[in-house]
Amino acid sequence: MTSSPFTFTHIPLLHGAGGAYDEAIIFGGIAALLIVLAFLSWKASKGKEQRRKKRKARRNR
């Protein structure tokens, strides 16, 4: 008998395709997606800032 009332069982999330690394594959994919989205957001904000600077410089001529 264990001292903990909870028993942890391995539930294959990818139906056993990745073995014991199912969770790592899923969370790694989510992390990669978040990194790509953060990069695209940063790139878009830099472009927006450059367009704003150009517009401001054109107005000050």
Protein backbone atom coordinates (compact mmCIF):
# COMPACT_ATOMS: atom_id res chain seq x y z
CA MET A 1 0.00 0.00 0.00
CA THR A 2 1.30 3.42 -0.93
CA SER A 3 1.18 6.46 1.32
CA SER A 4 -0.28 8.59 -1.47
CA PRO A 5 -3.92 8.11 -2.45
CA PHE A 6 -3.09 9.07 -6.04
CA THR A 7 -1.52 6.70 -8.49
CA PHE A 8 0.15 8.20 -11.51
CA THR A 9 -0.19 6.24 -14.69
CA HIS A 10 1.36 7.05 -18.02
CA ILE A 11 -1.34 8.05 -20.48
CA PRO A 12 0.02 8.09 -24.02
CA LEU A 13 -1.09 11.38 -25.57
CA LEU A 14 -0.01 10.50 -29.10
CA HIS A 15 -1.31 6.95 -28.87
CA GLY A 16 2.11 5.62 -28.07
CA ALA A 17 3.75 7.06 -31.16
CA GLY A 18 6.44 8.89 -29.20
CA GLY A 19 6.83 6.42 -26.37
CA ALA A 20 7.69 8.10 -23.10
CA TYR A 21 8.33 11.41 -24.90
CA ASP A 22 4.73 12.17 -25.91
CA GLU A 23 4.40 15.10 -23.53
CA ALA A 24 7.79 16.52 -24.53
CA ILE A 25 6.78 16.43 -28.20
CA ILE A 26 3.48 18.21 -27.54
CA PHE A 27 4.88 20.85 -25.18
CA GLY A 28 7.90 21.39 -27.42
CA GLY A 29 5.59 22.00 -30.36
CA ILE A 30 3.54 24.48 -28.34
CA ALA A 31 6.72 26.26 -27.21
CA ALA A 32 7.99 26.43 -30.79
CA LEU A 33 4.67 27.89 -31.93
CA LEU A 34 4.79 30.54 -29.20
CA ILE A 35 8.36 31.47 -30.12
CA VAL A 36 7.43 31.86 -33.80
CA LEU A 37 4.39 33.99 -32.94
CA ALA A 38 6.47 36.20 -30.63
CA PHE A 39 9.07 36.68 -33.38
CA LEU A 40 6.43 37.60 -35.97
CA SER A 41 4.85 40.05 -33.54
CA TRP A 42 8.22 41.66 -32.84
CA LYS A 43 8.98 41.89 -36.57
CA ALA A 44 5.61 43.50 -37.29
CA SER A 45 6.09 46.06 -34.53
CA LYS A 46 9.54 46.99 -35.87
CA GLY A 47 8.06 47.51 -39.34
CA LYS A 48 5.26 49.62 -37.91
CA GLU A 49 7.78 51.76 -36.03
CA GLN A 50 9.83 52.32 -39.19
CA ARG A 51 6.74 53.33 -41.17
CA ARG A 52 5.78 55.76 -38.41
CA LYS A 53 9.28 57.32 -38.44
CA LYS A 54 9.16 57.72 -42.23
CA ARG A 55 5.73 59.36 -42.07
CA LYS A 56 6.90 61.72 -39.31
CA ALA A 57 10.06 62.66 -41.26
CA ARG A 58 7.98 63.34 -44.39
CA ARG A 59 5.68 65.66 -42.40
CA ASN A 60 8.62 67.64 -40.95
CA ARG A 61 10.09 68.62 -44.35
